[in-house]
Amino acid sequence: QVQLVESGGGLVQAGGSLGLSCAASGSTIFIDGMGWYRQPPGKQRELVAFINRMGITRYADSVKGRFTISRDNAKNTVSLQMNSLTPEDTAIYYCNAESFGWGPGTQVTVSS
């Protein structure tokens, strides 16, 4: 089993930046891909960014050039740096470990 806990959410003005972090514990040696997803109010959960153990990344088109995902395999953490935030980025952000599950989520609110 793997446990995931997100941190770093909050309220930020449009144009600002915010960093999220996710700490994994448990059977972390078996984790390959990790990702950040988000669920805006009234919408479905969607992929934001993904990174595998080798550091290969992919991003949703809506965040390319603004968000950066990174990972520290030694510390079992994955982070998401979010820049140039817009109100459309407002959502609950979830950390995911491929094949293992989800963190409880952290709220990100971007005010206009």
N, C-alpha and C. Protein backbone atom coordinates (compact mmCIF):
# COMPACT_ATOMS: atom_id res chain seq x y z
N GLN A 1 0.84 -1.20 0.00
CA GLN A 1 0.00 0.00 0.00
C GLN A 1 0.87 1.25 0.00
N VAL A 2 0.31 2.30 -0.54
CA VAL A 2 0.98 3.59 -0.60
C VAL A 2 0.04 4.66 -0.07
N GLN A 3 0.56 5.52 0.77
CA GLN A 3 -0.21 6.66 1.28
C GLN A 3 0.37 7.94 0.68
N LEU A 4 -0.53 8.82 0.29
CA LEU A 4 -0.15 10.09 -0.34
C LEU A 4 -0.76 11.24 0.43
N VAL A 5 0.03 12.27 0.65
CA VAL A 5 -0.47 13.45 1.33
C VAL A 5 0.02 14.69 0.59
N GLU A 6 -0.94 15.52 0.16
CA GLU A 6 -0.60 16.75 -0.55
C GLU A 6 -0.46 17.91 0.43
N SER A 7 0.30 18.90 0.03
CA SER A 7 0.41 20.13 0.80
C SER A 7 0.69 21.28 -0.15
N GLY A 8 0.41 22.49 0.32
CA GLY A 8 0.78 23.67 -0.45
C GLY A 8 -0.34 24.39 -1.14
N GLY A 9 -1.56 23.91 -1.03
CA GLY A 9 -2.66 24.62 -1.66
C GLY A 9 -2.96 25.93 -0.95
N GLY A 10 -3.87 26.70 -1.52
CA GLY A 10 -4.25 27.95 -0.88
C GLY A 10 -4.89 28.92 -1.86
N LEU A 11 -4.93 30.16 -1.46
CA LEU A 11 -5.54 31.23 -2.25
C LEU A 11 -4.44 32.11 -2.83
N VAL A 12 -4.55 32.41 -4.12
CA VAL A 12 -3.56 33.24 -4.78
C VAL A 12 -4.27 34.12 -5.80
N GLN A 13 -3.72 35.28 -6.07
CA GLN A 13 -4.30 36.16 -7.08
C GLN A 13 -3.88 35.71 -8.48
N ALA A 14 -4.71 36.05 -9.44
CA ALA A 14 -4.39 35.73 -10.83
C ALA A 14 -3.03 36.32 -11.20
N GLY A 15 -2.25 35.51 -11.91
CA GLY A 15 -0.91 35.92 -12.28
C GLY A 15 0.15 35.47 -11.30
N GLY A 16 -0.30 34.98 -10.15
CA GLY A 16 0.62 34.56 -9.12
C GLY A 16 1.09 33.12 -9.30
N SER A 17 1.85 32.67 -8.32
CA SER A 17 2.43 31.33 -8.35
C SER A 17 2.12 30.59 -7.06
N LEU A 18 2.13 29.28 -7.18
CA LEU A 18 1.88 28.42 -6.03
C LEU A 18 2.59 27.11 -6.27
N GLY A 19 3.11 26.52 -5.21
CA GLY A 19 3.76 25.23 -5.33
C GLY A 19 3.03 24.19 -4.50
N LEU A 20 2.84 23.02 -5.09
CA LEU A 20 2.23 21.90 -4.39
C LEU A 20 3.27 20.81 -4.20
N SER A 21 3.13 20.07 -3.13
CA SER A 21 4.02 18.95 -2.87
C SER A 21 3.20 17.75 -2.42
N CYS A 22 3.69 16.57 -2.76
CA CYS A 22 3.03 15.34 -2.38
C CYS A 22 4.07 14.38 -1.82
N ALA A 23 3.83 13.91 -0.63
CA ALA A 23 4.74 12.96 0.00
C ALA A 23 4.11 11.57 -0.01
N ALA A 24 4.87 10.61 -0.48
CA ALA A 24 4.41 9.23 -0.53
C ALA A 24 5.10 8.42 0.56
N SER A 25 4.35 7.51 1.14
CA SER A 25 4.92 6.62 2.15
C SER A 25 4.35 5.22 1.94
N GLY A 26 4.99 4.25 2.54
CA GLY A 26 4.56 2.87 2.38
C GLY A 26 5.43 2.15 1.36
N SER A 27 4.79 1.42 0.46
CA SER A 27 5.51 0.61 -0.54
C SER A 27 5.94 1.46 -1.74
N THR A 28 6.69 2.49 -1.46
CA THR A 28 7.02 3.46 -2.51
C THR A 28 7.96 2.89 -3.57
N ILE A 29 8.68 1.83 -3.23
CA ILE A 29 9.63 1.27 -4.19
C ILE A 29 8.91 0.75 -5.44
N PHE A 30 7.62 0.46 -5.30
CA PHE A 30 6.86 -0.09 -6.43
C PHE A 30 6.19 0.98 -7.29
N ILE A 31 6.32 2.23 -6.89
CA ILE A 31 5.67 3.32 -7.65
C ILE A 31 6.47 3.63 -8.90
N ASP A 32 5.80 3.68 -10.05
CA ASP A 32 6.45 4.16 -11.26
C ASP A 32 5.94 5.57 -11.56
N GLY A 33 4.82 5.67 -12.21
CA GLY A 33 4.32 6.98 -12.56
C GLY A 33 3.62 7.69 -11.41
N MET A 34 3.81 9.00 -11.34
CA MET A 34 3.08 9.82 -10.39
C MET A 34 2.56 11.04 -11.13
N GLY A 35 1.44 11.53 -10.66
CA GLY A 35 0.85 12.65 -11.37
C GLY A 35 0.05 13.57 -10.49
N TRP A 36 -0.27 14.71 -11.04
CA TRP A 36 -1.19 15.65 -10.43
C TRP A 36 -2.43 15.74 -11.30
N TYR A 37 -3.56 15.64 -10.68
CA TYR A 37 -4.84 15.80 -11.32
C TYR A 37 -5.58 16.93 -10.60
N ARG A 38 -6.60 17.43 -11.28
CA ARG A 38 -7.41 18.45 -10.61
C ARG A 38 -8.88 18.28 -10.97
N GLN A 39 -9.73 18.73 -10.07
CA GLN A 39 -11.17 18.68 -10.31
C GLN A 39 -11.75 20.05 -10.04
N PRO A 40 -12.03 20.80 -11.11
CA PRO A 40 -12.65 22.12 -10.93
C PRO A 40 -14.08 21.96 -10.43
N PRO A 41 -14.66 22.99 -9.86
CA PRO A 41 -16.04 22.89 -9.37
C PRO A 41 -17.01 22.48 -10.48
N GLY A 42 -17.77 21.44 -10.22
CA GLY A 42 -18.78 20.99 -11.17
C GLY A 42 -18.25 20.26 -12.39
N LYS A 43 -16.97 19.94 -12.38
CA LYS A 43 -16.38 19.28 -13.55
C LYS A 43 -15.71 17.98 -13.14
N GLN A 44 -15.30 17.22 -14.15
CA GLN A 44 -14.64 15.95 -13.88
C GLN A 44 -13.17 16.15 -13.55
N ARG A 45 -12.61 15.16 -12.91
CA ARG A 45 -11.19 15.18 -12.61
C ARG A 45 -10.39 15.03 -13.90
N GLU A 46 -9.32 15.79 -14.01
CA GLU A 46 -8.52 15.78 -15.23
C GLU A 46 -7.04 15.75 -14.90
N LEU A 47 -6.28 15.17 -15.81
CA LEU A 47 -4.83 15.12 -15.64
C LEU A 47 -4.24 16.51 -15.83
N VAL A 48 -3.33 16.88 -14.94
CA VAL A 48 -2.60 18.13 -15.07
C VAL A 48 -1.18 17.85 -15.55
N ALA A 49 -0.49 16.97 -14.85
CA ALA A 49 0.90 16.66 -15.21
C ALA A 49 1.25 15.28 -14.68
N PHE A 50 2.18 14.65 -15.37
CA PHE A 50 2.57 13.28 -15.04
C PHE A 50 4.08 13.17 -15.16
N ILE A 51 4.68 12.35 -14.30
CA ILE A 51 6.12 12.11 -14.39
C ILE A 51 6.38 10.66 -13.99
N ASN A 52 7.22 9.99 -14.75
CA ASN A 52 7.55 8.62 -14.36
C ASN A 52 8.86 8.58 -13.59
N ARG A 53 9.25 7.40 -13.20
CA ARG A 53 10.43 7.27 -12.34
C ARG A 53 11.70 7.75 -13.04
N MET A 54 11.69 7.70 -14.37
CA MET A 54 12.86 8.14 -15.13
C MET A 54 12.86 9.64 -15.38
N GLY A 55 11.79 10.31 -14.97
CA GLY A 55 11.72 11.75 -15.14
C GLY A 55 11.05 12.23 -16.41
N ILE A 56 10.48 11.31 -17.16
CA ILE A 56 9.76 11.70 -18.38
C ILE A 56 8.41 12.30 -17.98
N THR A 57 8.10 13.43 -18.56
CA THR A 57 6.91 14.18 -18.15
C THR A 57 5.93 14.36 -19.29
N ARG A 58 4.70 14.61 -18.94
CA ARG A 58 3.71 15.10 -19.89
C ARG A 58 2.74 16.00 -19.16
N TYR A 59 2.17 16.93 -19.93
CA TYR A 59 1.32 17.96 -19.36
C TYR A 59 0.02 18.10 -20.14
N ALA A 60 -1.00 18.55 -19.45
CA ALA A 60 -2.21 18.96 -20.14
C ALA A 60 -1.89 20.21 -20.96
N ASP A 61 -2.52 20.34 -22.11
CA ASP A 61 -2.26 21.50 -22.96
C ASP A 61 -2.51 22.81 -22.22
N SER A 62 -3.49 22.81 -21.35
CA SER A 62 -3.89 24.04 -20.67
C SER A 62 -2.84 24.56 -19.69
N VAL A 63 -1.88 23.72 -19.32
CA VAL A 63 -0.88 24.15 -18.33
C VAL A 63 0.54 24.16 -18.88
N LYS A 64 0.72 23.72 -20.11
CA LYS A 64 2.06 23.69 -20.70
C LYS A 64 2.67 25.09 -20.69
N GLY A 65 3.92 25.15 -20.26
CA GLY A 65 4.61 26.43 -20.21
C GLY A 65 4.37 27.20 -18.92
N ARG A 66 3.39 26.77 -18.14
CA ARG A 66 3.09 27.46 -16.87
C ARG A 66 3.37 26.59 -15.64
N PHE A 67 3.13 25.30 -15.77
CA PHE A 67 3.31 24.38 -14.65
C PHE A 67 4.51 23.49 -14.91
N THR A 68 5.18 23.12 -13.83
CA THR A 68 6.32 22.21 -13.92
C THR A 68 6.20 21.14 -12.85
N ILE A 69 6.25 19.89 -13.28
CA ILE A 69 6.22 18.78 -12.34
C ILE A 69 7.64 18.28 -12.13
N SER A 70 7.94 17.92 -10.90
CA SER A 70 9.26 17.38 -10.59
C SER A 70 9.12 16.28 -9.55
N ARG A 71 10.17 15.52 -9.41
CA ARG A 71 10.08 14.36 -8.54
C ARG A 71 11.44 14.11 -7.89
N ASP A 72 11.40 13.70 -6.63
CA ASP A 72 12.59 13.30 -5.91
C ASP A 72 12.38 11.86 -5.47
N ASN A 73 12.96 10.93 -6.19
CA ASN A 73 12.74 9.51 -5.88
C ASN A 73 13.33 9.12 -4.53
N ALA A 74 14.40 9.77 -4.14
CA ALA A 74 15.02 9.44 -2.85
C ALA A 74 14.13 9.86 -1.68
N LYS A 75 13.42 10.97 -1.86
CA LYS A 75 12.55 11.47 -0.78
C LYS A 75 11.10 11.06 -0.98
N ASN A 76 10.83 10.39 -2.10
CA ASN A 76 9.46 9.94 -2.39
C ASN A 76 8.48 11.11 -2.42
N THR A 77 8.87 12.15 -3.10
CA THR A 77 8.00 13.31 -3.24
C THR A 77 7.83 13.69 -4.71
N VAL A 78 6.71 14.27 -5.00
CA VAL A 78 6.47 14.83 -6.32
C VAL A 78 5.88 16.22 -6.10
N SER A 79 6.34 17.16 -6.89
CA SER A 79 5.95 18.55 -6.70
C SER A 79 5.37 19.12 -7.99
N LEU A 80 4.60 20.17 -7.81
CA LEU A 80 4.03 20.87 -8.96
C LEU A 80 4.20 22.36 -8.73
N GLN A 81 5.00 22.99 -9.55
CA GLN A 81 5.16 24.44 -9.50
C GLN A 81 4.22 25.06 -10.51
N MET A 82 3.35 25.94 -10.03
CA MET A 82 2.33 26.53 -10.88
C MET A 82 2.57 28.04 -10.98
N ASN A 83 2.79 28.51 -12.17
CA ASN A 83 3.03 29.94 -12.42
C ASN A 83 1.94 30.51 -13.32
N SER A 84 1.84 31.81 -13.34
CA SER A 84 0.86 32.51 -14.18
C SER A 84 -0.53 31.93 -14.01
N LEU A 85 -0.92 31.78 -12.78
CA LEU A 85 -2.21 31.16 -12.47
C LEU A 85 -3.37 32.04 -12.92
N THR A 86 -4.42 31.39 -13.35
CA THR A 86 -5.65 32.07 -13.74
C THR A 86 -6.81 31.48 -12.94
N PRO A 87 -7.94 32.19 -12.90
CA PRO A 87 -9.10 31.65 -12.18
C PRO A 87 -9.53 30.27 -12.69
N GLU A 88 -9.24 29.98 -13.95
CA GLU A 88 -9.59 28.67 -14.50
C GLU A 88 -8.77 27.54 -13.90
N ASP A 89 -7.72 27.86 -13.18
CA ASP A 89 -6.91 26.85 -12.50
C ASP A 89 -7.48 26.49 -11.13
N THR A 90 -8.52 27.18 -10.71
CA THR A 90 -9.16 26.88 -9.44
C THR A 90 -9.72 25.47 -9.44
N ALA A 91 -9.33 24.68 -8.46
CA ALA A 91 -9.75 23.28 -8.41
C ALA A 91 -9.20 22.64 -7.14
N ILE A 92 -9.68 21.44 -6.88
CA ILE A 92 -9.01 20.59 -5.90
C ILE A 92 -7.95 19.81 -6.65
N TYR A 93 -6.74 19.86 -6.17
CA TYR A 93 -5.62 19.18 -6.82
C TYR A 93 -5.29 17.90 -6.05
N TYR A 94 -5.19 16.82 -6.81
CA TYR A 94 -4.95 15.51 -6.23
C TYR A 94 -3.63 14.94 -6.72
N CYS A 95 -2.90 14.34 -5.83
CA CYS A 95 -1.70 13.59 -6.18
C CYS A 95 -2.11 12.14 -6.45
N ASN A 96 -1.50 11.56 -7.45
CA ASN A 96 -1.79 10.17 -7.80
C ASN A 96 -0.52 9.38 -7.96
N ALA A 97 -0.51 8.18 -7.42
CA ALA A 97 0.57 7.23 -7.66
C ALA A 97 -0.03 6.11 -8.51
N GLU A 98 0.52 5.94 -9.69
CA GLU A 98 -0.02 4.99 -10.65
C GLU A 98 -0.19 3.61 -10.04
N SER A 99 -1.38 3.06 -10.17
CA SER A 99 -1.75 1.74 -9.68
C SER A 99 -1.94 1.67 -8.17
N PHE A 100 -1.75 2.80 -7.47
CA PHE A 100 -1.87 2.75 -6.01
C PHE A 100 -2.97 3.64 -5.47
N GLY A 101 -3.26 4.75 -6.12
CA GLY A 101 -4.36 5.55 -5.62
C GLY A 101 -4.05 7.02 -5.47
N TRP A 102 -4.85 7.65 -4.63
CA TRP A 102 -4.93 9.10 -4.57
C TRP A 102 -4.67 9.65 -3.18
N GLY A 103 -4.18 10.89 -3.14
CA GLY A 103 -4.17 11.63 -1.92
C GLY A 103 -5.54 12.25 -1.67
N PRO A 104 -5.73 12.86 -0.52
CA PRO A 104 -7.04 13.44 -0.18
C PRO A 104 -7.35 14.72 -0.94
N GLY A 105 -6.33 15.35 -1.53
CA GLY A 105 -6.55 16.57 -2.30
C GLY A 105 -6.25 17.83 -1.52
N THR A 106 -5.92 18.88 -2.26
CA THR A 106 -5.67 20.18 -1.66
C THR A 106 -6.31 21.25 -2.54
N GLN A 107 -6.96 22.20 -1.91
CA GLN A 107 -7.70 23.22 -2.65
C GLN A 107 -6.75 24.32 -3.14
N VAL A 108 -6.90 24.66 -4.41
CA VAL A 108 -6.22 25.81 -4.99
C VAL A 108 -7.29 26.76 -5.52
N THR A 109 -7.26 27.98 -5.03
CA THR A 109 -8.21 28.99 -5.47
C THR A 109 -7.46 30.19 -6.02
N VAL A 110 -7.80 30.57 -7.25
CA VAL A 110 -7.16 31.70 -7.90
C VAL A 110 -8.20 32.80 -8.07
N SER A 111 -7.96 33.92 -7.43
CA SER A 111 -8.91 35.03 -7.51
C SER A 111 -8.55 35.96 -8.66
N SER A 112 -9.58 36.56 -9.23
CA SER A 112 -9.36 37.46 -10.38
C SER A 112 -9.11 38.89 -9.93
